[in-house]
N, C-alpha and C. Protein backbone atom coordinates (compact mmCIF):
# COMPACT_ATOMS: atom_id res chain seq x y z
N MET A 1 73.31 231.25 95.18
CA MET A 1 74.36 231.35 94.33
C MET A 1 74.43 229.58 94.38
N THR A 2 74.64 229.06 92.92
CA THR A 2 75.43 227.63 93.15
C THR A 2 76.66 228.09 92.21
N LYS A 3 78.33 226.96 92.50
CA LYS A 3 79.21 227.18 92.00
C LYS A 3 78.80 225.82 91.59
N SER A 4 79.63 225.92 90.18
CA SER A 4 80.34 224.71 89.61
C SER A 4 81.50 223.97 90.19
N ILE A 5 81.54 222.58 90.07
CA ILE A 5 82.14 221.52 90.36
C ILE A 5 83.22 221.27 89.57
N LYS A 6 84.38 221.97 89.12
CA LYS A 6 84.82 221.82 87.73
C LYS A 6 85.87 220.31 87.85
N SER A 7 86.44 220.45 89.11
CA SER A 7 87.90 219.75 89.36
C SER A 7 87.93 219.07 90.89
N VAL A 8 88.32 217.99 91.11
CA VAL A 8 88.35 217.75 92.37
C VAL A 8 89.53 216.79 92.76
N ILE A 9 90.41 216.32 93.84
CA ILE A 9 91.10 215.89 94.27
C ILE A 9 90.46 215.38 95.77
N VAL A 10 90.36 213.90 95.71
CA VAL A 10 90.44 213.96 97.12
C VAL A 10 91.43 212.60 97.51
N ILE A 11 91.04 212.49 99.06
CA ILE A 11 92.00 211.72 99.98
C ILE A 11 91.30 210.89 100.74
N GLY A 12 91.63 209.77 100.98
CA GLY A 12 90.20 208.98 102.03
C GLY A 12 89.54 208.48 101.06
N ALA A 13 89.80 208.08 99.59
CA ALA A 13 88.91 208.10 98.19
C ALA A 13 88.27 206.39 98.35
N THR A 14 89.37 205.52 99.34
CA THR A 14 88.74 204.21 99.22
C THR A 14 87.81 204.46 100.81
N GLY A 15 87.79 204.97 101.57
CA GLY A 15 86.93 204.97 102.37
C GLY A 15 85.42 205.04 102.42
N LEU A 16 84.38 204.77 103.65
CA LEU A 16 82.78 204.70 103.67
C LEU A 16 82.48 205.85 102.72
N VAL A 17 82.98 207.14 103.43
CA VAL A 17 82.34 208.30 102.59
C VAL A 17 82.96 208.56 101.48
N GLY A 18 84.62 208.32 101.35
CA GLY A 18 85.04 208.86 100.01
C GLY A 18 84.54 207.96 98.96
N ARG A 19 84.04 206.60 99.13
CA ARG A 19 83.87 206.24 97.90
C ARG A 19 82.26 206.38 97.88
N GLU A 20 81.43 206.99 98.50
CA GLU A 20 79.66 207.66 97.92
C GLU A 20 80.47 209.14 97.32
N LEU A 21 81.14 209.56 97.88
CA LEU A 21 81.57 210.86 97.37
C LEU A 21 81.97 211.03 95.89
N LEU A 22 82.98 209.84 95.90
CA LEU A 22 83.45 209.78 94.03
C LEU A 22 82.03 208.93 93.59
N LYS A 23 81.37 208.65 93.88
CA LYS A 23 79.79 208.10 93.10
C LYS A 23 79.19 209.32 92.65
N GLN A 24 79.24 210.08 93.69
CA GLN A 24 78.13 211.12 93.74
C GLN A 24 78.75 212.28 92.82
N LEU A 25 79.92 212.30 92.83
CA LEU A 25 81.10 213.45 91.87
C LEU A 25 80.60 213.26 90.47
N ASN A 26 81.20 211.69 90.30
CA ASN A 26 80.75 211.28 88.93
C ASN A 26 79.72 211.52 87.99
N GLN A 27 78.54 211.79 88.82
CA GLN A 27 77.15 211.85 87.95
C GLN A 27 76.99 213.49 87.66
N ILE A 28 77.90 213.91 88.68
CA ILE A 28 77.61 215.77 87.90
C ILE A 28 78.57 216.25 86.91
N GLU A 29 77.62 216.56 85.75
CA GLU A 29 77.98 216.74 84.88
C GLU A 29 79.07 218.04 84.46
N SER A 30 79.12 218.72 85.26
CA SER A 30 80.07 220.22 84.82
C SER A 30 81.52 219.65 85.66
N CYS A 31 81.41 218.11 86.31
CA CYS A 31 82.45 218.27 86.91
C CYS A 31 83.87 217.09 86.17
N GLU A 32 84.40 217.70 85.53
CA GLU A 32 85.35 217.18 84.13
C GLU A 32 86.26 216.32 84.90
N LYS A 33 86.85 216.81 86.21
CA LYS A 33 88.24 215.96 86.37
C LYS A 33 88.16 215.22 87.97
N ILE A 34 88.22 214.15 88.05
CA ILE A 34 88.22 213.82 89.45
C ILE A 34 89.51 212.95 89.51
N THR A 35 90.27 213.33 90.45
CA THR A 35 91.42 212.63 91.06
C THR A 35 91.51 211.82 92.62
N ALA A 36 91.50 210.83 92.56
CA ALA A 36 91.79 210.17 93.71
C ALA A 36 92.85 209.95 94.27
N ILE A 37 93.41 210.27 95.17
CA ILE A 37 94.67 209.47 95.61
C ILE A 37 94.51 208.40 96.61
N VAL A 38 95.56 207.29 95.93
CA VAL A 38 94.69 205.83 96.86
C VAL A 38 96.43 205.21 96.73
N ARG A 39 96.39 204.43 97.73
CA ARG A 39 97.89 203.50 97.82
C ARG A 39 97.87 202.23 96.89
N HIS A 40 96.51 202.03 96.35
CA HIS A 40 97.20 200.54 95.57
C HIS A 40 96.15 201.04 94.67
N GLU A 41 96.09 200.78 93.51
CA GLU A 41 94.70 200.45 92.74
C GLU A 41 93.60 199.73 93.16
N ASP A 42 92.55 200.62 92.72
CA ASP A 42 91.26 200.33 93.60
C ASP A 42 90.27 199.95 92.38
N ILE A 43 90.09 198.42 92.07
CA ILE A 43 89.29 198.13 91.18
C ILE A 43 87.80 198.50 90.91
N GLU A 44 86.93 198.81 92.02
CA GLU A 44 85.86 199.42 91.94
C GLU A 44 85.68 200.60 91.75
N LEU A 45 86.78 201.45 91.97
CA LEU A 45 86.67 203.10 91.45
C LEU A 45 86.90 203.23 89.62
N LYS A 46 87.62 202.14 89.15
CA LYS A 46 87.37 201.83 87.74
C LYS A 46 86.56 201.69 87.80
N SER A 47 85.29 201.24 87.60
CA SER A 47 84.25 201.45 87.15
C SER A 47 83.16 202.94 86.69
N LEU A 48 83.79 204.14 87.63
CA LEU A 48 83.74 205.45 87.44
C LEU A 48 84.38 206.09 86.65
N LYS A 49 84.04 206.09 85.53
CA LYS A 49 84.42 206.82 84.14
C LYS A 49 85.39 208.16 84.02
N LYS A 50 84.50 209.14 85.43
CA LYS A 50 85.30 210.30 85.23
C LYS A 50 86.66 210.37 86.54
N VAL A 51 86.85 209.15 87.45
CA VAL A 51 87.88 209.30 88.45
C VAL A 51 89.16 208.34 87.89
N GLN A 52 90.28 209.18 87.90
CA GLN A 52 91.54 208.80 87.46
C GLN A 52 91.98 208.65 89.45
N GLN A 53 93.11 207.27 89.40
CA GLN A 53 93.24 207.10 90.76
C GLN A 53 94.99 207.44 90.63
N PHE A 54 95.19 208.06 91.27
CA PHE A 54 96.47 208.73 91.83
C PHE A 54 97.23 207.79 92.34
N ILE A 55 98.17 206.89 92.26
CA ILE A 55 98.58 205.84 93.14
C ILE A 55 99.88 206.54 93.81
N LEU A 56 99.77 206.68 95.27
CA LEU A 56 101.19 207.04 96.10
C LEU A 56 100.56 206.60 97.69
N ASP A 57 101.99 205.85 97.70
CA ASP A 57 102.30 204.71 99.32
C ASP A 57 102.14 205.93 100.12
N ASP A 58 102.48 206.97 99.85
CA ASP A 58 102.57 208.16 101.09
C ASP A 58 102.03 209.27 100.82
N PHE A 59 101.02 209.90 101.16
CA PHE A 59 100.81 210.69 100.85
C PHE A 59 101.44 211.98 101.59
N LEU A 60 102.09 211.90 102.48
CA LEU A 60 103.05 212.98 102.32
C LEU A 60 104.05 213.65 101.22
N LEU A 61 103.78 212.97 100.28
CA LEU A 61 104.94 212.57 99.10
C LEU A 61 104.23 214.02 98.01
N LEU A 62 102.69 213.86 98.51
CA LEU A 62 101.86 215.34 97.23
C LEU A 62 102.76 216.53 97.73
N ASN A 63 102.70 216.98 96.55
CA ASN A 63 103.39 218.56 96.38
C ASN A 63 102.41 219.58 95.62
N ASP A 64 102.79 220.36 95.69
CA ASP A 64 102.45 221.67 95.38
C ASP A 64 101.65 221.22 93.33
N GLU A 65 102.46 220.57 92.37
CA GLU A 65 102.59 220.36 91.69
C GLU A 65 101.34 219.58 91.36
N ASP A 66 101.34 218.35 92.06
CA ASP A 66 99.80 217.56 91.99
C ASP A 66 98.74 218.10 92.52
N ALA A 67 98.67 219.14 93.42
CA ALA A 67 97.19 219.82 93.95
C ALA A 67 97.32 221.07 93.01
N ASN A 68 97.96 221.32 92.09
CA ASN A 68 97.49 222.26 91.30
C ASN A 68 96.62 222.55 90.49
N GLY A 69 95.81 223.69 90.72
CA GLY A 69 94.67 223.81 88.97
C GLY A 69 93.12 223.07 90.04
N TYR A 70 92.73 222.68 90.70
CA TYR A 70 91.73 221.88 91.27
C TYR A 70 90.72 223.10 91.53
N SER A 71 89.38 222.48 91.65
CA SER A 71 88.77 223.75 92.06
C SER A 71 88.23 223.44 93.73
N HIS A 72 88.14 221.90 93.79
CA HIS A 72 87.51 221.21 95.41
C HIS A 72 88.25 220.83 95.43
N ALA A 73 88.79 220.79 96.54
CA ALA A 73 89.74 219.53 97.22
C ALA A 73 89.35 218.66 99.01
N PHE A 74 88.87 217.73 98.41
CA PHE A 74 87.71 217.02 99.40
C PHE A 74 88.82 215.94 100.51
N SER A 75 88.86 216.06 101.78
CA SER A 75 89.99 215.13 102.64
C SER A 75 88.93 214.35 103.31
N CYS A 76 88.25 212.87 102.85
CA CYS A 76 87.47 211.82 103.60
C CYS A 76 88.95 211.06 104.47
N LEU A 77 89.80 211.07 104.53
CA LEU A 77 90.89 210.69 105.46
C LEU A 77 90.78 210.68 106.54
N GLY A 78 90.61 209.24 107.48
CA GLY A 78 90.56 208.84 108.74
C GLY A 78 90.64 207.33 109.03
N THR A 79 91.18 207.14 110.31
CA THR A 79 91.48 206.07 110.50
C THR A 79 90.71 205.87 112.21
N THR A 80 91.28 204.33 112.60
CA THR A 80 90.70 204.27 114.15
C THR A 80 92.17 203.90 114.68
N LEU A 81 92.11 203.73 116.17
CA LEU A 81 93.27 203.82 116.96
C LEU A 81 93.05 202.15 117.10
N LYS A 82 92.44 201.67 116.58
CA LYS A 82 92.59 200.22 116.58
C LYS A 82 93.55 199.77 115.02
N LYS A 83 92.80 200.00 114.41
CA LYS A 83 93.10 200.24 113.03
C LYS A 83 94.71 200.43 112.72
N ALA A 84 94.87 201.57 113.26
CA ALA A 84 96.18 202.69 113.33
C ALA A 84 97.17 201.52 114.37
N GLY A 85 97.01 201.27 115.04
CA GLY A 85 97.90 200.32 116.13
C GLY A 85 98.64 200.84 117.33
N SER A 86 98.69 202.29 116.83
CA SER A 86 99.16 203.29 118.25
C SER A 86 98.62 204.62 118.15
N LYS A 87 98.56 205.19 119.13
CA LYS A 87 98.56 206.82 119.25
C LYS A 87 99.10 207.64 117.93
N GLN A 88 100.45 207.58 118.11
CA GLN A 88 101.20 207.86 117.42
C GLN A 88 101.19 207.55 115.53
N ASN A 89 100.47 206.32 115.32
CA ASN A 89 100.13 206.31 114.22
C ASN A 89 99.08 206.84 113.90
N PHE A 90 97.79 206.65 114.71
CA PHE A 90 96.71 207.21 114.34
C PHE A 90 96.86 208.99 114.19
N TYR A 91 97.63 209.54 115.23
CA TYR A 91 98.22 211.03 114.80
C TYR A 91 98.72 211.29 113.38
N ASN A 92 99.69 210.70 113.17
CA ASN A 92 100.17 210.72 111.98
C ASN A 92 99.45 210.45 110.63
N VAL A 93 98.29 209.73 110.85
CA VAL A 93 97.28 209.75 109.18
C VAL A 93 96.17 210.84 109.89
N ASP A 94 95.59 210.74 111.19
CA ASP A 94 94.39 211.96 111.43
C ASP A 94 94.82 212.91 111.28
N TYR A 95 96.05 213.57 111.42
CA TYR A 95 96.38 215.22 111.64
C TYR A 95 97.35 215.19 110.45
N GLU A 96 98.62 214.86 110.53
CA GLU A 96 99.49 214.81 109.86
C GLU A 96 99.39 214.90 108.00
N MET A 97 98.93 213.91 107.30
CA MET A 97 98.66 214.06 106.33
C MET A 97 97.36 214.62 106.14
N ASN A 98 96.27 214.60 106.99
CA ASN A 98 95.20 215.54 106.74
C ASN A 98 96.31 217.15 106.43
N ALA A 99 96.69 217.94 107.40
CA ALA A 99 97.16 218.62 107.22
C ALA A 99 97.98 219.49 106.63
N HIS A 100 98.69 218.35 105.85
CA HIS A 100 99.81 218.18 104.68
C HIS A 100 98.80 218.66 103.77
N PHE A 101 97.89 217.90 103.26
CA PHE A 101 96.66 218.06 102.10
C PHE A 101 96.66 219.53 101.91
N ALA A 102 96.09 220.11 103.36
CA ALA A 102 95.72 221.30 103.53
C ALA A 102 96.34 222.15 103.19
N ASP A 103 97.45 221.97 103.60
CA ASP A 103 98.91 222.98 103.30
C ASP A 103 98.43 223.48 101.66
N LEU A 104 98.60 222.87 101.00
CA LEU A 104 99.12 222.33 99.69
C LEU A 104 97.84 223.18 99.07
N PHE A 105 96.48 223.69 99.77
CA PHE A 105 95.36 224.69 98.75
C PHE A 105 95.87 226.04 99.59
N GLU A 106 96.96 226.52 100.29
CA GLU A 106 97.17 227.65 100.70
C GLU A 106 97.25 228.60 99.97
N THR A 107 96.74 230.04 99.57
CA THR A 107 96.84 230.82 98.74
C THR A 107 96.24 230.25 97.48
N THR A 108 95.53 229.37 97.23
CA THR A 108 95.12 229.10 95.86
C THR A 108 93.34 229.61 95.66
N ASP A 109 93.12 228.77 94.79
CA ASP A 109 91.66 229.20 94.55
C ASP A 109 90.71 228.11 94.78
N THR A 110 91.34 227.40 95.87
CA THR A 110 91.02 225.69 96.02
C THR A 110 89.95 225.43 97.30
N HIS A 111 88.53 225.19 97.00
CA HIS A 111 87.52 224.91 98.21
C HIS A 111 87.71 223.64 99.07
N TYR A 112 88.49 223.89 99.86
CA TYR A 112 88.54 222.79 100.74
C TYR A 112 87.72 222.23 101.47
N LEU A 113 87.51 221.11 101.85
CA LEU A 113 86.38 220.50 102.66
C LEU A 113 86.86 219.14 103.12
N LEU A 114 86.46 219.63 104.42
CA LEU A 114 87.30 218.22 105.34
C LEU A 114 86.08 217.24 106.13
N ILE A 115 86.27 216.17 106.60
CA ILE A 115 85.41 215.50 107.55
C ILE A 115 86.01 215.66 108.63
N SER A 116 85.42 216.08 109.75
CA SER A 116 86.11 216.06 111.23
C SER A 116 85.27 215.11 111.77
N ALA A 117 84.78 215.06 113.30
CA ALA A 117 84.07 214.49 114.04
C ALA A 117 83.31 215.42 114.84
N MET A 118 81.89 214.53 115.26
CA MET A 118 81.52 215.84 116.49
C MET A 118 82.51 215.39 117.90
N GLY A 119 82.46 216.24 118.49
CA GLY A 119 82.84 216.34 119.52
C GLY A 119 84.72 216.74 119.64
N ALA A 120 84.79 217.36 117.91
CA ALA A 120 85.87 217.28 117.60
C ALA A 120 87.01 218.99 118.52
N ASN A 121 88.14 218.82 119.80
CA ASN A 121 88.22 219.94 120.26
C ASN A 121 89.27 219.71 121.04
N ALA A 122 90.13 220.57 120.34
CA ALA A 122 91.44 220.44 120.76
C ALA A 122 92.09 220.02 122.61
N GLN A 123 91.44 220.70 123.43
CA GLN A 123 91.11 220.62 124.59
C GLN A 123 90.78 219.09 125.22
N SER A 124 90.38 218.56 124.31
CA SER A 124 89.53 217.17 124.81
C SER A 124 90.44 216.64 125.88
N LYS A 125 89.73 215.68 126.47
CA LYS A 125 90.68 214.76 127.06
C LYS A 125 90.47 213.43 126.71
N ILE A 126 89.90 212.98 125.57
CA ILE A 126 89.53 212.26 124.86
C ILE A 126 90.64 212.36 123.03
N PHE A 127 91.26 211.35 123.18
CA PHE A 127 92.73 211.66 122.36
C PHE A 127 92.07 211.73 121.02
N TYR A 128 90.90 210.77 120.55
CA TYR A 128 90.16 210.91 119.00
C TYR A 128 89.81 212.56 118.88
N ASN A 129 89.13 213.11 119.84
CA ASN A 129 88.78 214.26 119.60
C ASN A 129 89.51 215.53 119.88
N LYS A 130 90.42 215.00 120.54
CA LYS A 130 92.14 215.97 120.45
C LYS A 130 92.72 216.24 119.38
N VAL A 131 92.97 215.36 118.77
CA VAL A 131 93.18 215.20 117.65
C VAL A 131 92.81 216.07 116.53
N LYS A 132 91.53 215.70 116.15
CA LYS A 132 90.26 215.82 115.35
C LYS A 132 90.14 217.49 115.20
N GLY A 133 90.03 218.18 116.98
CA GLY A 133 90.12 219.28 117.16
C GLY A 133 91.30 220.01 116.97
N GLU A 134 92.66 219.44 117.01
CA GLU A 134 94.07 219.96 116.46
C GLU A 134 93.67 220.21 115.00
N LEU A 135 93.62 219.22 114.53
CA LEU A 135 93.89 219.46 112.94
C LEU A 135 92.81 220.71 112.52
N GLU A 136 91.25 220.87 113.18
CA GLU A 136 90.72 221.91 112.95
C GLU A 136 91.16 222.86 113.20
N ASN A 137 92.00 223.29 114.31
CA ASN A 137 92.57 224.46 114.45
C ASN A 137 93.55 224.98 113.56
N HIS A 138 94.40 223.75 113.31
CA HIS A 138 95.33 224.06 111.81
C HIS A 138 94.86 224.70 111.02
N ILE A 139 93.68 224.19 110.50
CA ILE A 139 93.14 224.11 109.16
C ILE A 139 92.48 225.52 109.23
N GLN A 140 91.87 225.84 110.37
CA GLN A 140 91.72 227.33 110.47
C GLN A 140 92.63 228.52 110.24
N SER A 141 93.76 228.15 111.04
CA SER A 141 95.11 229.17 110.77
C SER A 141 95.71 229.39 109.48
N LEU A 142 94.97 228.20 108.57
CA LEU A 142 95.87 228.57 107.04
C LEU A 142 95.18 229.65 106.13
N ASN A 143 95.78 230.23 104.87
CA ASN A 143 95.11 231.45 104.12
C ASN A 143 94.56 230.50 103.01
N LEU A 144 93.17 229.76 103.35
CA LEU A 144 92.48 228.84 102.28
C LEU A 144 91.46 230.05 101.70
N LYS A 145 91.17 229.95 100.54
CA LYS A 145 90.05 230.53 100.15
C LYS A 145 88.45 230.34 100.43
N CYS A 146 88.31 229.11 101.20
CA CYS A 146 86.97 228.71 101.47
C CYS A 146 87.07 226.98 102.03
N VAL A 147 86.63 227.02 103.33
CA VAL A 147 86.54 225.95 104.11
C VAL A 147 85.28 225.53 104.84
N SER A 148 85.11 224.04 104.53
CA SER A 148 83.71 223.41 104.92
C SER A 148 84.24 221.79 105.83
N ILE A 149 83.63 221.96 107.13
CA ILE A 149 84.35 221.12 107.69
C ILE A 149 83.04 220.81 108.49
N LEU A 150 82.76 219.47 108.55
CA LEU A 150 82.11 218.26 108.53
C LEU A 150 82.19 217.70 109.97
N ARG A 151 81.10 217.90 110.90
CA ARG A 151 81.17 217.14 112.07
C ARG A 151 80.03 215.86 112.27
N PRO A 152 80.53 214.94 111.33
CA PRO A 152 79.55 214.01 111.67
C PRO A 152 79.30 213.08 113.12
N SER A 153 78.13 212.22 113.74
CA SER A 153 78.67 211.19 114.52
C SER A 153 78.49 210.12 113.99
N LEU A 154 78.00 208.98 114.03
CA LEU A 154 78.39 207.83 114.21
C LEU A 154 78.13 207.47 112.33
N LEU A 155 78.65 207.00 111.96
CA LEU A 155 78.73 206.58 110.40
C LEU A 155 78.02 205.48 109.73
N LEU A 156 76.82 205.48 109.17
CA LEU A 156 76.01 203.99 108.90
C LEU A 156 76.91 203.75 107.14
N GLY A 157 77.00 202.38 107.30
CA GLY A 157 77.50 201.96 106.22
C GLY A 157 78.30 200.89 106.29
N GLU A 158 78.33 200.38 104.67
CA GLU A 158 79.18 198.69 105.40
C GLU A 158 80.82 199.15 104.40
N ARG A 159 81.18 198.97 105.45
CA ARG A 159 82.77 199.34 105.19
C ARG A 159 83.66 198.12 104.73
N GLN A 160 84.33 198.14 103.67
CA GLN A 160 85.47 197.54 103.63
C GLN A 160 86.23 196.07 104.54
N GLU A 161 86.60 197.06 105.66
CA GLU A 161 87.58 196.72 106.49
C GLU A 161 86.25 196.46 107.65
N GLN A 162 86.32 195.34 108.72
CA GLN A 162 85.53 195.15 110.19
C GLN A 162 86.20 196.43 111.21
N ARG A 163 85.02 196.40 111.36
CA ARG A 163 85.58 197.66 113.24
C ARG A 163 84.11 197.19 114.33
N ALA A 164 84.33 196.30 115.00
CA ALA A 164 83.15 195.43 115.64
C ALA A 164 82.90 196.10 116.52
N LEU A 165 83.45 197.37 116.79
CA LEU A 165 81.98 198.31 117.92
C LEU A 165 81.34 199.23 117.13
N GLU A 166 81.70 199.69 116.08
CA GLU A 166 80.76 200.48 115.16
C GLU A 166 80.03 199.16 114.46
N ASP A 167 80.29 198.36 113.84
CA ASP A 167 79.25 197.17 113.52
C ASP A 167 78.22 196.80 114.36
N MET A 168 78.60 196.59 115.88
CA MET A 168 77.74 196.36 116.75
C MET A 168 76.89 197.40 116.73
N THR A 169 77.30 198.96 117.10
CA THR A 169 76.28 199.83 117.22
C THR A 169 75.43 199.80 116.12
N GLN A 170 76.01 199.99 115.02
CA GLN A 170 74.93 200.24 113.66
C GLN A 170 73.61 199.27 113.94
N LYS A 171 74.24 197.94 114.19
CA LYS A 171 73.20 196.70 114.12
C LYS A 171 72.22 197.18 115.25
N LEU A 172 72.26 197.81 116.71
CA LEU A 172 71.26 198.40 118.04
C LEU A 172 70.85 199.55 116.80
N TYR A 173 71.27 200.22 116.34
CA TYR A 173 70.70 201.12 115.79
C TYR A 173 69.83 201.17 114.90
N ARG A 174 69.71 200.27 114.12
CA ARG A 174 68.97 199.66 113.09
C ARG A 174 67.62 199.17 114.03
N LYS A 175 67.88 198.52 114.79
CA LYS A 175 66.81 198.25 115.69
C LYS A 175 66.03 198.52 116.19
N PHE A 176 66.54 199.89 116.40
CA PHE A 176 65.78 200.90 117.88
C PHE A 176 65.73 202.32 116.93
N SER A 177 65.94 202.58 115.71
CA SER A 177 66.33 203.42 115.02
C SER A 177 64.91 204.35 114.62
N HIS A 178 63.69 203.49 115.17
CA HIS A 178 62.30 204.33 115.14
C HIS A 178 62.23 205.24 116.18
N LEU A 179 62.66 204.90 117.56
CA LEU A 179 62.55 205.11 118.52
C LEU A 179 63.26 206.77 118.49
N VAL A 180 64.56 207.02 117.63
CA VAL A 180 65.02 208.42 117.62
C VAL A 180 64.45 209.35 116.71
N PRO A 181 64.17 210.19 117.64
CA PRO A 181 63.05 211.41 116.81
C PRO A 181 64.64 212.26 115.66
N ASN A 182 64.30 212.61 114.75
CA ASN A 182 65.12 213.49 113.78
C ASN A 182 65.58 214.26 114.29
N THR A 183 65.44 215.05 115.26
CA THR A 183 65.58 216.22 115.98
C THR A 183 67.19 215.75 116.94
N PHE A 184 67.45 214.59 116.86
CA PHE A 184 68.36 214.17 117.76
C PHE A 184 69.41 214.44 117.36
N LYS A 185 70.41 215.21 118.27
CA LYS A 185 71.88 215.75 117.34
C LYS A 185 72.70 214.61 117.34
N TYR A 186 73.07 213.55 117.95
CA TYR A 186 73.93 212.41 117.95
C TYR A 186 73.43 211.88 116.75
N LYS A 187 72.09 211.49 115.99
CA LYS A 187 71.49 210.48 115.56
C LYS A 187 72.25 210.14 114.45
N PRO A 188 73.05 208.72 114.37
CA PRO A 188 73.70 208.31 113.16
C PRO A 188 73.74 209.21 111.70
N VAL A 189 74.56 209.06 111.02
CA VAL A 189 74.16 209.81 109.97
C VAL A 189 74.60 208.52 108.80
N THR A 190 74.20 208.14 107.82
CA THR A 190 74.60 207.74 106.81
C THR A 190 75.88 208.22 105.85
N ALA A 191 76.98 207.91 105.53
CA ALA A 191 78.00 207.57 104.28
C ALA A 191 77.29 208.87 103.08
N GLU A 192 76.36 208.54 102.40
CA GLU A 192 75.36 209.10 101.50
C GLU A 192 75.12 210.48 101.84
N GLN A 193 74.60 210.60 103.19
CA GLN A 193 74.12 211.87 104.01
C GLN A 193 75.25 212.89 103.86
N VAL A 194 76.35 212.32 104.34
CA VAL A 194 77.49 213.03 104.58
C VAL A 194 78.30 213.87 103.22
N ALA A 195 78.17 212.46 102.70
CA ALA A 195 78.62 212.93 100.83
C ALA A 195 78.26 213.94 100.31
N HIS A 196 77.05 213.69 100.25
CA HIS A 196 75.66 214.63 100.01
C HIS A 196 76.11 215.87 100.53
N THR A 197 76.19 216.18 101.40
CA THR A 197 76.39 217.26 102.55
C THR A 197 77.94 218.21 101.81
N MET A 198 78.94 217.37 101.64
CA MET A 198 79.94 218.03 101.29
C MET A 198 79.88 218.32 99.77
N VAL A 199 79.02 217.36 98.87
CA VAL A 199 78.89 217.83 97.69
C VAL A 199 77.65 219.30 97.84
N ASP A 200 76.85 219.32 98.51
CA ASP A 200 75.93 220.66 98.86
C ASP A 200 77.10 222.13 99.05
N ALA A 201 78.16 221.49 100.10
CA ALA A 201 78.62 222.55 100.55
C ALA A 201 79.55 222.95 99.64
N ALA A 202 80.19 222.47 98.70
CA ALA A 202 80.76 222.47 97.05
C ALA A 202 80.25 223.55 96.22
N ARG A 203 78.95 223.06 96.31
CA ARG A 203 78.29 224.37 95.30
C ARG A 203 77.47 225.14 95.80
N THR A 204 77.19 225.49 97.28
CA THR A 204 76.27 226.11 97.60
C THR A 204 77.48 227.57 98.78
N GLN A 205 78.29 226.77 99.25
CA GLN A 205 78.72 227.92 100.54
C GLN A 205 79.21 229.18 100.06
N THR A 206 78.75 230.36 100.42
CA THR A 206 79.07 231.54 99.90
C THR A 206 80.06 232.26 101.18
N ASP A 207 80.42 232.02 102.31
CA ASP A 207 81.13 232.18 103.20
C ASP A 207 82.30 231.21 103.32
N LYS A 208 83.51 232.35 103.97
CA LYS A 208 84.63 231.60 103.70
C LYS A 208 85.17 230.32 104.78
N PHE A 209 84.51 230.50 105.77
CA PHE A 209 84.22 229.38 106.92
C PHE A 209 83.06 228.57 107.37
N GLU A 210 83.01 227.55 107.03
CA GLU A 210 81.26 227.39 107.80
C GLU A 210 81.94 225.70 108.32
N ILE A 211 80.98 225.30 109.60
CA ILE A 211 81.24 224.12 110.35
C ILE A 211 79.75 223.61 109.88
N TYR A 212 79.77 222.11 109.40
CA TYR A 212 78.44 221.77 109.14
C TYR A 212 78.06 220.64 110.31
N ASP A 213 77.55 220.83 111.41
CA ASP A 213 77.15 219.91 112.67
C ASP A 213 76.28 218.40 112.29
N ASN A 214 76.28 217.70 112.95
CA ASN A 214 75.76 216.32 112.52
C ASN A 214 74.13 216.59 112.24
N LEU A 215 73.19 217.49 112.97
CA LEU A 215 72.07 217.89 112.83
C LEU A 215 71.87 218.47 111.36
N ARG A 216 72.75 219.19 111.42
CA ARG A 216 72.71 220.15 109.38
C ARG A 216 72.77 218.91 108.74
N ILE A 217 73.56 217.88 108.50
CA ILE A 217 74.10 216.98 108.03
C ILE A 217 72.98 216.12 107.56
N GLN A 218 72.08 215.58 108.41
CA GLN A 218 70.90 214.72 108.69
C GLN A 218 69.72 215.42 107.88
N THR A 219 69.61 216.89 108.02
CA THR A 219 68.44 217.57 107.57
C THR A 219 68.84 217.92 105.82
N CYS A 220 70.44 217.86 105.44
CA CYS A 220 70.50 218.64 104.18
C CYS A 220 70.16 217.82 103.25
N LYS A 221 69.42 218.60 102.20
CA LYS A 221 68.58 218.25 101.39
C LYS A 221 69.42 218.19 99.74
């Protein structure tokens, strides 16, 4: 069964996956309203006719009225420890803001979709994976109509900000990608693949809760 994507709200809209997601949503005929929550007006997003930018300096100020009436809510928000500057700042973005966004859709008819990460585990000794796991646990504790969680590996694509380690890894991967089998579960995925999987989940998922692992993202048609 295919469901219509009628109206969507997106946080993390100016990130690698967020931008690609908006482009794909903008091309869906049934999608009448696309709201991108941004901290500053984004010139690139203005070229997408259906996208409306909602400028808000602090995403924790989003309220029930702001989130009311959407068929789908997409969370593409995430940062890195280096960019955040501290573990606390990283936690404030990757956990607090995403958790608050999800809270707004409890007991509503909105399908909530989240980009997490491969290795997400609340018991992990790796801080990044631990925070992602804690967020997933929080999402699962809420009374949400429908939840999709995506766990991609390394994301391939051109970011607006520089991430030295990821840039180096991408260059190495592109050089040796022909040696990596399609069935390798850690194989990097593109922003297009992740966005496409989110759109596919929004259209076709029937279970109340579903996890899309990296291999599934790789093979999503």
